[in-house]
């Protein structure tokens, strides 16, 4: 009985153990499958550095950048060492550090911008709605610095620093490789600082202060009052009090055409730590009609940049290097591209143009991309004139053929002439050269059929004259041979 119970217990124990083992095995298999699937997804999602395309260099994307006063900075709406975007920014961005709390990118209006390029070296914060989705014509190129984490788990859209960028495609996403940087900001801002200093030193057409305006409530600068310089520019200087005023400043007579006259306005901040721009800027274009509100430019989103010929350069006359290192506060609507490479700019109302500064804060209104244009057409090149011919050049002597050879003069070529080449003597049989003693003898034209009445190939002597002589000589040789045999 005990044995039977023992057997039953043993069998029961084996059954339970088998069941337990089977159950454990089932659990293990399930977990293994889940782990395998997870690893497969991770393996698919993991993108090596080599699979993220190198962004290259900005000079390659903008090969004609040197034609513009602002260099390649003229092709970016925001160009800064550090940018804080807190309200809608309609334009592309190039910045060393980005704190992007809102979307940015150049909106598609009429498909005039085919490539919207942005560079973010360090994306501290970036909004998921950043960039504008590409279309049939529009393509994006966004380059991130090497320290940003880029993941293609979505396959279609990239995730950058854990933020999925739904408006950007995988193939539109690039990253710096190795020590290469798409834009070297340190070098770029050194060049922009030199440009700011150079603009200050240019010969100005006028220096304008608040006292120049007869009616402080109707302040107008008409650029048609000035003659453009050799660079098709008008250079003005504004004292600090002009933009401090609370009344609008109208700038009239601007050109809306590509290649129009450019206006450079140097604004002296005069040593303050914060310069307040408190004058709304109004632009009026010269379209051949009386100036009025019908041709006033309003703040707007656009892809047409031909009409931006206005550059504002904020500087400090009290600084040893003339560069302003304080803050410019734009407290009214402003239009025209802004350059202040050492300053901090804070935008509180709409601003249309390029915004170029050490640090940029967009805190109010909207900003709209409007690229500065100052390419001056190159003068048409004048072809080099043909050299004057020598007066009464001596004619080339024409050799006289030997009358005994009866050579047709039409077949004679003069050595050294354009019709003669040394290689033609190589085409002649040796006996012809020895007979004629002239390299000018030519082979017969191969296109001309040969006949018994045609000219001989090399000498030009007619076969009708030589044939009886040759026949007579052969007959004489035959008769002499016969006579010798009889002997």
Protein backbone atom coordinates (compact mmCIF):
# COMPACT_ATOMS: atom_id res chain seq x y z
CA UNK A 1 0.00 0.00 0.00
CA UNK A 2 2.73 2.21 0.81
CA UNK A 3 4.43 1.30 -2.40
CA UNK A 4 1.24 1.97 -4.36
CA UNK A 5 0.81 5.29 -2.62
CA UNK A 6 4.43 5.97 -3.29
CA UNK A 7 3.98 5.24 -6.94
CA UNK A 8 0.86 7.40 -7.10
CA UNK A 9 2.70 10.16 -5.26
CA UNK A 10 5.66 9.80 -7.57
CA UNK A 11 3.45 9.85 -10.63
CA UNK A 12 1.51 12.81 -9.24
CA UNK A 13 4.76 14.62 -8.47
CA UNK A 14 6.05 13.97 -11.98
CA UNK A 15 2.78 15.15 -13.49
CA UNK A 16 2.73 18.30 -11.41
CA UNK A 17 6.39 18.92 -12.11
CA UNK A 18 5.88 18.40 -15.82
CA UNK A 19 2.90 20.72 -15.79
CA UNK A 20 4.89 23.32 -13.90
CA UNK A 21 7.82 22.95 -16.18
CA UNK A 22 5.58 23.19 -19.22
CA UNK A 23 3.96 26.28 -17.76
CA UNK A 24 7.32 27.80 -16.96
CA UNK A 25 8.54 26.96 -20.40
CA UNK A 26 5.52 28.60 -21.95
CA UNK A 27 6.16 31.76 -19.97
CA UNK A 28 9.80 31.76 -20.95
CA UNK A 29 8.92 31.33 -24.61
CA UNK A 30 6.48 34.23 -24.50
CA UNK A 31 8.99 36.47 -22.82
CA UNK A 32 11.67 35.43 -25.29
CA UNK A 33 9.38 36.27 -28.21
CA UNK A 34 8.57 39.67 -26.74
CA UNK A 35 12.22 40.37 -26.12
CA UNK A 36 13.16 39.26 -29.62
CA UNK A 37 10.49 41.50 -31.15
CA UNK A 38 11.60 44.43 -29.04
CA UNK A 39 15.20 43.94 -30.07
CA UNK A 40 14.15 43.72 -33.72
CA UNK A 41 12.32 47.04 -33.43
CA UNK A 42 15.28 48.63 -31.70
CA UNK A 43 17.66 47.23 -34.30
CA UNK A 44 15.47 48.62 -37.06
CA UNK A 45 15.19 51.98 -35.34
CA UNK A 46 18.85 52.31 -34.49
CA UNK A 47 20.52 54.41 -37.15
CA UNK A 48 24.28 54.56 -37.29
CA UNK A 49 26.12 57.83 -37.79
CA UNK A 50 26.94 56.86 -41.35
CA UNK A 51 23.24 56.68 -42.23
CA UNK A 52 22.59 60.30 -41.25
CA UNK A 53 23.71 62.43 -44.15
CA UNK A 54 26.48 64.99 -43.73
CA UNK A 55 25.17 68.53 -44.09
CA UNK A 56 28.30 69.76 -45.84
CA UNK A 57 29.03 73.50 -45.74
CA UNK A 58 26.92 76.59 -46.21
CA UNK A 59 29.24 77.89 -48.95
CA UNK A 60 28.24 74.94 -51.14
CA UNK A 61 24.53 75.66 -50.79
CA UNK A 62 25.01 79.38 -51.46
CA UNK A 63 27.94 79.62 -53.92
CA UNK A 64 27.23 83.29 -54.72
CA UNK A 65 27.13 84.42 -51.10
CA UNK A 66 30.03 86.86 -51.55
CA UNK A 67 27.92 88.98 -53.88
CA UNK A 68 25.80 90.06 -50.92
CA UNK A 69 26.86 92.55 -48.24
CA UNK A 70 25.71 90.12 -45.55
CA UNK A 71 27.30 87.03 -47.06
CA UNK A 72 25.37 83.83 -46.51
CA UNK A 73 23.65 85.40 -43.47
CA UNK A 74 21.46 87.15 -46.04
CA UNK A 75 19.83 83.78 -46.81
CA UNK A 76 18.58 83.19 -43.25
CA UNK A 77 15.76 84.98 -41.47
CA UNK A 78 17.35 84.48 -38.03
CA UNK A 79 21.14 84.41 -37.84
CA UNK A 80 22.47 84.34 -34.30
CA UNK A 81 24.77 82.73 -31.82
CA UNK A 82 21.73 82.23 -29.60
CA UNK A 83 18.04 82.48 -30.50
CA UNK A 84 14.95 82.39 -28.28
CA UNK A 85 11.73 82.03 -30.29
CA UNK A 86 8.57 82.68 -28.30
CA UNK A 87 6.18 83.94 -30.99
CA UNK A 88 5.58 82.84 -34.56
CA UNK A 89 8.74 83.09 -36.64
CA UNK A 90 8.06 82.88 -40.36
CA UNK A 91 11.47 82.06 -41.75
CA UNK A 92 14.48 79.79 -41.61
CA UNK A 93 16.98 79.81 -38.78
CA UNK A 94 20.75 79.54 -38.39
CA UNK A 95 21.81 79.60 -34.78
CA UNK A 96 24.45 78.20 -32.47
CA UNK A 97 21.93 77.59 -29.67
CA UNK A 98 18.17 77.34 -30.10
CA UNK A 99 15.43 77.72 -27.52
CA UNK A 100 12.47 77.20 -29.80
CA UNK A 101 9.13 77.38 -28.02
CA UNK A 102 7.15 77.96 -31.23
CA UNK A 103 7.16 76.80 -34.81
CA UNK A 104 9.40 78.41 -37.42
CA UNK A 105 10.14 78.00 -41.12
CA UNK A 106 9.37 79.83 -44.36
CA UNK A 107 5.69 79.40 -45.21
CA UNK A 108 4.85 78.46 -48.78
CA UNK A 109 3.09 81.41 -50.41
CA UNK A 110 3.81 81.15 -54.13
CA UNK A 111 6.62 78.57 -54.31
CA UNK A 112 9.43 81.06 -54.90
CA UNK A 113 11.65 79.52 -52.21
CA UNK A 114 12.57 76.06 -53.48
CA UNK A 115 15.01 75.15 -50.68
CA UNK A 116 14.34 76.16 -47.08
CA UNK A 117 17.60 75.60 -45.22
CA UNK A 118 18.11 75.82 -41.46
CA UNK A 119 21.10 75.04 -39.23
CA UNK A 120 20.83 74.38 -35.50
CA UNK A 121 24.11 73.57 -33.85
CA UNK A 122 22.60 72.89 -30.42
CA UNK A 123 18.85 72.41 -30.08
CA UNK A 124 18.29 73.03 -26.38
CA UNK A 125 14.57 73.16 -27.07
CA UNK A 126 12.67 72.67 -30.29
CA UNK A 127 8.92 72.69 -30.93
CA UNK A 128 7.36 69.61 -32.53
CA UNK A 129 5.63 71.89 -35.06
CA UNK A 130 8.90 73.42 -36.29
CA UNK A 131 9.59 73.74 -40.03
CA UNK A 132 7.16 73.80 -42.96
CA UNK A 133 6.33 70.57 -44.75
CA UNK A 134 7.84 70.28 -48.20
CA UNK A 135 5.73 70.21 -51.37
CA UNK A 136 6.10 69.47 -55.06
CA UNK A 137 8.54 72.36 -55.46
CA UNK A 138 9.65 73.14 -51.90
CA UNK A 139 12.37 71.02 -50.31
CA UNK A 140 13.77 71.29 -46.80
CA UNK A 141 17.32 70.88 -45.63
CA UNK A 142 17.83 70.98 -41.86
CA UNK A 143 21.28 70.41 -40.41
CA UNK A 144 21.84 69.68 -36.73
CA UNK A 145 25.09 69.91 -34.81
CA UNK A 146 26.98 66.79 -33.88
CA UNK A 147 25.86 66.75 -30.22
CA UNK A 148 22.15 66.44 -31.01
CA UNK A 149 20.54 63.01 -30.69
CA UNK A 150 18.79 62.07 -33.91
CA UNK A 151 16.58 58.99 -34.11
CA UNK A 152 14.66 57.59 -37.07
CA UNK A 153 12.41 55.20 -35.13
CA UNK A 154 9.43 56.67 -36.95
CA UNK A 155 11.17 55.84 -40.26
CA UNK A 156 9.34 58.77 -41.92
CA UNK A 157 9.94 61.66 -39.50
CA UNK A 158 13.02 62.25 -37.34
CA UNK A 159 13.06 62.57 -33.61
CA UNK A 160 15.59 65.12 -32.39
CA UNK A 161 16.46 65.23 -28.72
CA UNK A 162 13.29 63.18 -27.98
CA UNK A 163 11.03 65.56 -29.96
CA UNK A 164 9.31 64.11 -33.03
CA UNK A 165 9.43 66.66 -35.86
CA UNK A 166 6.35 65.84 -37.90
CA UNK A 167 6.92 68.47 -40.60
CA UNK A 168 10.38 67.17 -41.47
CA UNK A 169 11.23 64.06 -43.48
CA UNK A 170 14.07 61.66 -42.81
CA UNK A 171 15.73 62.50 -46.14
CA UNK A 172 15.60 66.21 -45.28
CA UNK A 173 17.54 65.72 -42.04
CA UNK A 174 21.32 66.16 -41.89
CA UNK A 175 23.99 66.34 -39.20
CA UNK A 176 27.54 67.63 -38.85
CA UNK A 177 30.21 64.94 -39.10
CA UNK A 178 33.49 64.83 -37.21
CA UNK A 179 34.96 68.29 -36.76
CA UNK A 180 33.03 69.75 -39.69
CA UNK A 181 30.39 72.38 -39.00
CA UNK A 182 27.85 73.54 -41.54
CA UNK A 183 28.43 77.11 -40.32
CA UNK A 184 31.40 78.25 -38.27
CA UNK A 185 29.62 80.91 -36.20
CA UNK A 186 32.77 82.27 -34.62
CA UNK A 187 34.27 82.98 -38.03
CA UNK A 188 30.97 84.21 -39.42
CA UNK A 189 30.45 86.79 -36.70
CA UNK A 190 34.00 88.03 -37.03
CA UNK A 191 33.26 88.71 -40.69
CA UNK A 192 29.92 90.34 -39.87
CA UNK A 193 31.59 92.57 -37.27
CA UNK A 194 34.09 93.69 -39.90
CA UNK A 195 31.23 94.36 -42.30
CA UNK A 196 29.44 96.49 -39.68
CA UNK A 197 32.59 98.53 -39.12
CA UNK A 198 33.12 98.92 -42.85
CA UNK A 199 29.56 100.17 -43.38
CA UNK A 200 30.12 102.85 -40.74
CA UNK A 201 33.22 104.13 -42.53
CA UNK A 202 31.55 104.52 -45.90
CA UNK A 203 31.10 108.00 -47.24
CA UNK A 204 27.62 109.04 -46.22
CA UNK A 205 25.16 111.00 -48.31
CA UNK A 206 23.64 112.69 -45.27
CA UNK A 207 23.55 112.71 -41.49
CA UNK A 208 20.02 113.00 -40.20
CA UNK A 209 18.90 114.12 -36.76
CA UNK A 210 15.44 114.91 -35.36
CA UNK A 211 16.07 118.57 -36.14
CA UNK A 212 16.05 117.81 -39.87
CA UNK A 213 12.31 117.14 -39.82
CA UNK A 214 10.24 120.30 -40.06
CA UNK A 215 7.08 118.52 -38.92
CA UNK A 216 7.91 116.00 -36.15
CA UNK A 217 4.57 114.30 -36.80
CA UNK A 218 5.27 113.78 -40.48
CA UNK A 219 8.86 112.60 -40.75
CA UNK A 220 9.99 111.48 -44.19
CA UNK A 221 13.28 110.45 -45.77
CA UNK A 222 13.04 110.48 -49.55
CA UNK A 223 16.01 108.64 -51.01
CA UNK A 224 15.37 110.21 -54.42
CA UNK A 225 16.99 113.33 -53.01
CA UNK A 226 20.37 111.56 -53.16
CA UNK A 227 22.55 110.31 -55.99
CA UNK A 228 23.61 106.66 -55.58
CA UNK A 229 27.34 105.99 -55.33
CA UNK A 230 29.37 103.75 -57.61
CA UNK A 231 28.06 100.70 -55.74
CA UNK A 232 24.45 101.69 -56.43
CA UNK A 233 23.97 102.58 -52.78
CA UNK A 234 22.78 105.47 -50.69
CA UNK A 235 24.41 105.63 -47.26
CA UNK A 236 22.76 107.57 -44.44
CA UNK A 237 23.55 108.10 -40.77
CA UNK A 238 20.83 108.51 -38.15
CA UNK A 239 21.52 110.05 -34.78
CA UNK A 240 20.17 108.13 -31.82
CA UNK A 241 17.20 110.46 -31.31
CA UNK A 242 15.59 109.71 -34.69
CA UNK A 243 14.33 106.21 -33.86
CA UNK A 244 13.67 107.08 -30.22
CA UNK A 245 10.76 109.26 -31.30
CA UNK A 246 7.25 107.87 -30.98
CA UNK A 247 6.12 109.01 -34.44
CA UNK A 248 6.44 106.92 -37.63
CA UNK A 249 9.42 107.30 -39.93
CA UNK A 250 8.56 107.11 -43.62
CA UNK A 251 11.16 106.08 -46.17
CA UNK A 252 10.08 106.89 -49.71
CA UNK A 253 11.39 106.30 -53.19
CA UNK A 254 12.54 102.71 -52.71
CA UNK A 255 12.88 100.38 -55.68
CA UNK A 256 10.78 97.24 -55.80
CA UNK A 257 12.88 95.74 -58.58
CA UNK A 258 15.73 93.28 -58.33
CA UNK A 259 18.98 95.20 -58.72
CA UNK A 260 17.43 98.42 -57.41
CA UNK A 261 19.35 101.00 -55.39
CA UNK A 262 20.22 99.85 -51.89
CA UNK A 263 19.91 102.02 -48.83
CA UNK A 264 22.27 101.51 -45.89
CA UNK A 265 21.24 103.32 -42.71
CA UNK A 266 23.80 103.43 -39.89
CA UNK A 267 22.03 104.02 -36.57
CA UNK A 268 24.18 105.42 -33.77
CA UNK A 269 23.12 104.15 -30.35
CA UNK A 270 25.52 106.62 -28.67
CA UNK A 271 26.75 104.55 -25.77
CA UNK A 272 23.50 103.47 -24.11
CA UNK A 273 23.19 99.95 -22.72
CA UNK A 274 19.64 99.59 -24.10
CA UNK A 275 18.53 101.36 -27.24
CA UNK A 276 14.75 101.61 -27.73
CA UNK A 277 13.50 101.69 -31.31
CA UNK A 278 10.19 103.46 -30.80
CA UNK A 279 9.41 104.67 -34.35
CA UNK A 280 7.24 102.57 -36.65
CA UNK A 281 8.95 102.16 -40.01
CA UNK A 282 6.83 102.72 -43.12
CA UNK A 283 8.17 101.94 -46.59
CA UNK A 284 6.93 103.46 -49.86
CA UNK A 285 7.99 102.37 -53.31
CA UNK A 286 8.59 104.48 -56.37
CA UNK A 287 6.43 102.91 -59.06
CA UNK A 288 6.30 105.91 -61.35
CA UNK A 289 3.20 107.32 -59.69
CA UNK A 290 2.70 109.85 -56.98
CA UNK A 291 3.74 108.31 -53.67
CA UNK A 292 0.94 107.38 -51.38
CA UNK A 293 -0.66 104.55 -49.46
CA UNK A 294 -1.33 102.66 -52.71
CA UNK A 295 2.35 101.59 -52.90
CA UNK A 296 3.11 101.32 -49.23
CA UNK A 297 4.52 97.99 -48.15
CA UNK A 298 2.68 96.29 -45.32
CA UNK A 299 4.18 93.66 -42.98
CA UNK A 300 3.54 90.30 -44.60
CA UNK A 301 4.61 86.72 -45.11
CA UNK A 302 6.26 86.45 -48.50
CA UNK A 303 8.68 84.49 -50.62
CA UNK A 304 9.38 87.47 -52.88
CA UNK A 305 12.51 89.24 -51.71
CA UNK A 306 13.39 91.41 -54.73
CA UNK A 307 12.08 94.55 -53.04
CA UNK A 308 14.23 94.40 -49.89
CA UNK A 309 16.97 96.97 -50.48
CA UNK A 310 17.11 98.33 -46.94
CA UNK A 311 19.82 97.51 -44.38
CA UNK A 312 19.94 98.93 -40.85
CA UNK A 313 23.33 98.78 -39.12
CA UNK A 314 23.18 99.51 -35.37
CA UNK A 315 26.51 100.64 -33.95
CA UNK A 316 28.00 102.61 -31.06
CA UNK A 317 30.11 105.68 -31.85
CA UNK A 318 31.43 105.75 -28.28
CA UNK A 319 32.92 102.27 -28.48
CA UNK A 320 36.57 101.86 -29.46
CA UNK A 321 35.66 99.42 -32.25
CA UNK A 322 32.31 101.15 -33.01
CA UNK A 323 30.39 97.92 -32.29
CA UNK A 324 27.26 98.04 -30.10
CA UNK A 325 27.23 95.43 -27.33
CA UNK A 326 24.03 96.45 -25.58
CA UNK A 327 20.41 95.62 -26.31
CA UNK A 328 18.17 96.95 -29.08
CA UNK A 329 14.50 96.81 -28.20
CA UNK A 330 12.17 96.91 -31.23
CA UNK A 331 9.02 98.31 -29.67
CA UNK A 332 7.25 99.18 -32.94
CA UNK A 333 6.68 97.58 -36.34
CA UNK A 334 9.97 97.48 -38.17
CA UNK A 335 10.93 96.69 -41.77
CA UNK A 336 14.32 96.11 -43.35
CA UNK A 337 17.21 93.82 -42.53
CA UNK A 338 19.00 94.38 -39.23
CA UNK A 339 22.73 93.97 -38.54
CA UNK A 340 24.23 94.31 -35.07
CA UNK A 341 26.69 91.42 -34.65
CA UNK A 342 27.66 92.05 -31.01
CA UNK A 343 24.27 93.11 -29.69
CA UNK A 344 21.19 91.48 -28.23
CA UNK A 345 17.95 92.17 -30.09
CA UNK A 346 14.48 91.86 -28.63
CA UNK A 347 11.54 91.92 -31.02
CA UNK A 348 8.16 92.87 -29.54
CA UNK A 349 6.25 93.74 -32.75
CA UNK A 350 6.23 92.59 -36.36
CA UNK A 351 9.61 92.71 -38.05
CA UNK A 352 10.22 91.93 -41.74
CA UNK A 353 13.77 91.27 -42.94
CA UNK A 354 16.90 89.45 -41.86
CA UNK A 355 17.68 89.60 -38.15
CA UNK A 356 21.41 89.25 -37.48
CA UNK A 357 22.79 89.59 -33.96
CA UNK A 358 24.70 87.82 -31.24
CA UNK A 359 21.47 87.02 -29.38
CA UNK A 360 17.90 87.29 -30.64
CA UNK A 361 14.68 87.18 -28.59
CA UNK A 362 11.39 87.06 -30.48
CA UNK A 363 8.87 87.89 -27.79
CA UNK A 364 5.98 89.63 -29.53
CA UNK A 365 4.22 90.13 -32.85
CA UNK A 366 5.55 88.05 -35.74
CA UNK A 367 8.75 88.05 -37.69
CA UNK A 368 8.77 87.51 -41.44
CA UNK A 369 11.62 86.40 -43.63
CA UNK A 370 12.55 89.05 -46.21
CA UNK A 371 16.08 88.50 -47.51
CA UNK A 372 18.27 91.52 -48.15
CA UNK A 373 19.13 91.96 -51.83
CA UNK A 374 22.08 93.98 -53.02
CA UNK A 375 23.52 92.06 -55.94
CA UNK A 376 24.69 94.60 -58.49
CA UNK A 377 24.72 93.29 -62.07
CA UNK A 378 28.22 92.84 -63.44
CA UNK A 379 29.04 95.16 -66.37
CA UNK A 380 28.92 93.47 -69.71
CA UNK A 381 32.36 92.33 -70.75
CA UNK A 382 33.75 93.92 -73.90
CA UNK A 383 35.39 91.38 -76.20
CA UNK A 384 39.02 91.95 -77.09
CA UNK A 385 39.18 93.67 -80.50
CA UNK A 386 40.91 91.94 -83.36
CA UNK A 387 44.49 93.23 -83.86
CA UNK A 388 44.89 95.76 -86.64
CA UNK A 389 46.42 94.25 -89.78
CA UNK A 390 49.90 95.40 -90.76
CA UNK A 391 49.79 98.23 -93.29
CA UNK A 392 50.54 97.07 -96.85
CA UNK A 393 51.95 93.67 -95.96
CA UNK A 394 54.42 92.23 -98.47
CA UNK A 395 52.76 89.57 -100.59
CA UNK A 396 54.07 86.06 -100.26
CA UNK A 397 56.21 85.12 -103.26
CA UNK A 398 54.69 82.50 -105.52
CA UNK A 399 57.18 79.97 -106.87
CA UNK A 400 57.38 79.59 -110.63
CA UNK A 401 57.13 75.96 -111.75
CA UNK A 402 59.80 74.56 -114.04
CA UNK A 403 58.42 74.98 -117.60
CA UNK A 404 60.02 71.68 -118.60
CA UNK A 405 57.83 69.83 -116.11
CA UNK A 406 54.66 71.39 -117.49
CA UNK A 407 53.10 71.49 -113.99
CA UNK A 408 49.60 72.83 -113.68
CA UNK A 409 49.91 75.98 -111.51
CA UNK A 410 46.51 75.27 -109.93
CA UNK A 411 48.06 72.31 -108.09
CA UNK A 412 50.99 74.22 -106.64
CA UNK A 413 50.84 75.07 -102.89
CA UNK A 414 53.24 77.53 -101.36
CA UNK A 415 55.27 76.25 -98.41
CA UNK A 416 54.34 78.19 -95.29
CA UNK A 417 50.87 79.11 -96.56
CA UNK A 418 47.67 78.13 -94.82
CA UNK A 419 47.00 75.56 -97.53
CA UNK A 420 50.30 73.78 -97.06
CA UNK A 421 51.33 71.18 -94.50
CA UNK A 422 54.63 69.37 -94.16
CA UNK A 423 52.86 66.04 -94.00
CA UNK A 424 51.73 66.40 -97.58
CA UNK A 425 55.25 65.71 -98.80
CA UNK A 426 55.03 62.37 -97.05
CA UNK A 427 52.06 61.44 -99.22
CA UNK A 428 54.08 61.80 -102.41
CA UNK A 429 56.03 58.98 -104.01
CA UNK A 430 59.78 59.44 -103.61
CA UNK A 431 60.42 59.60 -107.33
CA UNK A 432 57.99 62.46 -107.70
CA UNK A 433 59.82 64.50 -105.08
CA UNK A 434 63.16 63.77 -106.69
CA UNK A 435 61.85 64.71 -110.13
CA UNK A 436 60.08 67.89 -109.15
CA UNK A 437 62.35 68.99 -106.25
CA UNK A 438 59.20 70.70 -104.85
CA UNK A 439 57.39 69.81 -101.65
CA UNK A 440 54.45 71.72 -103.01
CA UNK A 441 53.48 68.96 -105.40
CA UNK A 442 50.21 67.42 -104.25
CA UNK A 443 48.52 64.05 -104.54
CA UNK A 444 45.53 63.95 -106.77
CA UNK A 445 42.14 64.66 -105.33
CA UNK A 446 40.77 61.25 -104.40
CA UNK A 447 37.26 62.34 -105.18
CA UNK A 448 38.18 63.06 -108.80
CA UNK A 449 37.90 60.00 -111.10
CA UNK A 450 40.99 59.02 -113.05
CA UNK A 451 40.88 58.88 -116.87
CA UNK A 452 43.40 58.65 -119.68
CA UNK A 453 43.04 62.35 -120.26
CA UNK A 454 43.30 63.30 -116.62
CA UNK A 455 46.29 64.84 -114.93
CA UNK A 456 48.99 62.61 -113.49
CA UNK A 457 48.75 62.05 -109.76
CA UNK A 458 51.83 63.96 -108.69
CA UNK A 459 53.35 66.09 -111.43
CA UNK A 460 50.28 67.33 -113.19
CA UNK A 461 51.92 66.49 -116.59
CA UNK A 462 49.25 65.51 -119.08
CA UNK A 463 49.27 61.82 -120.09
CA UNK A 464 48.48 62.75 -123.71
CA UNK A 465 51.97 64.29 -124.16
CA UNK A 466 53.99 61.56 -122.44
CA UNK A 467 52.20 58.56 -123.94
CA UNK A 468 53.78 58.85 -127.54
CA UNK A 469 57.24 59.47 -126.03
CA UNK A 470 57.02 56.44 -123.76
CA UNK A 471 55.70 54.30 -126.64
CA UNK A 472 58.52 55.40 -128.94
CA UNK A 473 61.11 54.60 -126.25
CA UNK A 474 59.67 51.11 -125.72
CA UNK A 475 59.68 50.44 -129.48
CA UNK A 476 63.30 51.59 -129.72
CA UNK A 477 64.33 49.33 -126.84
CA UNK A 478 62.57 46.37 -128.54
CA UNK A 479 64.34 46.95 -131.90
CA UNK A 480 67.72 47.25 -130.19
CA UNK A 481 67.15 43.98 -128.34
CA UNK A 482 66.25 42.17 -131.59
CA UNK A 483 69.33 43.53 -133.33
CA UNK A 484 71.52 42.34 -130.47
CA UNK A 485 70.04 38.82 -130.66
CA UNK A 486 70.72 38.62 -134.44
CA UNK A 487 74.32 39.32 -133.76
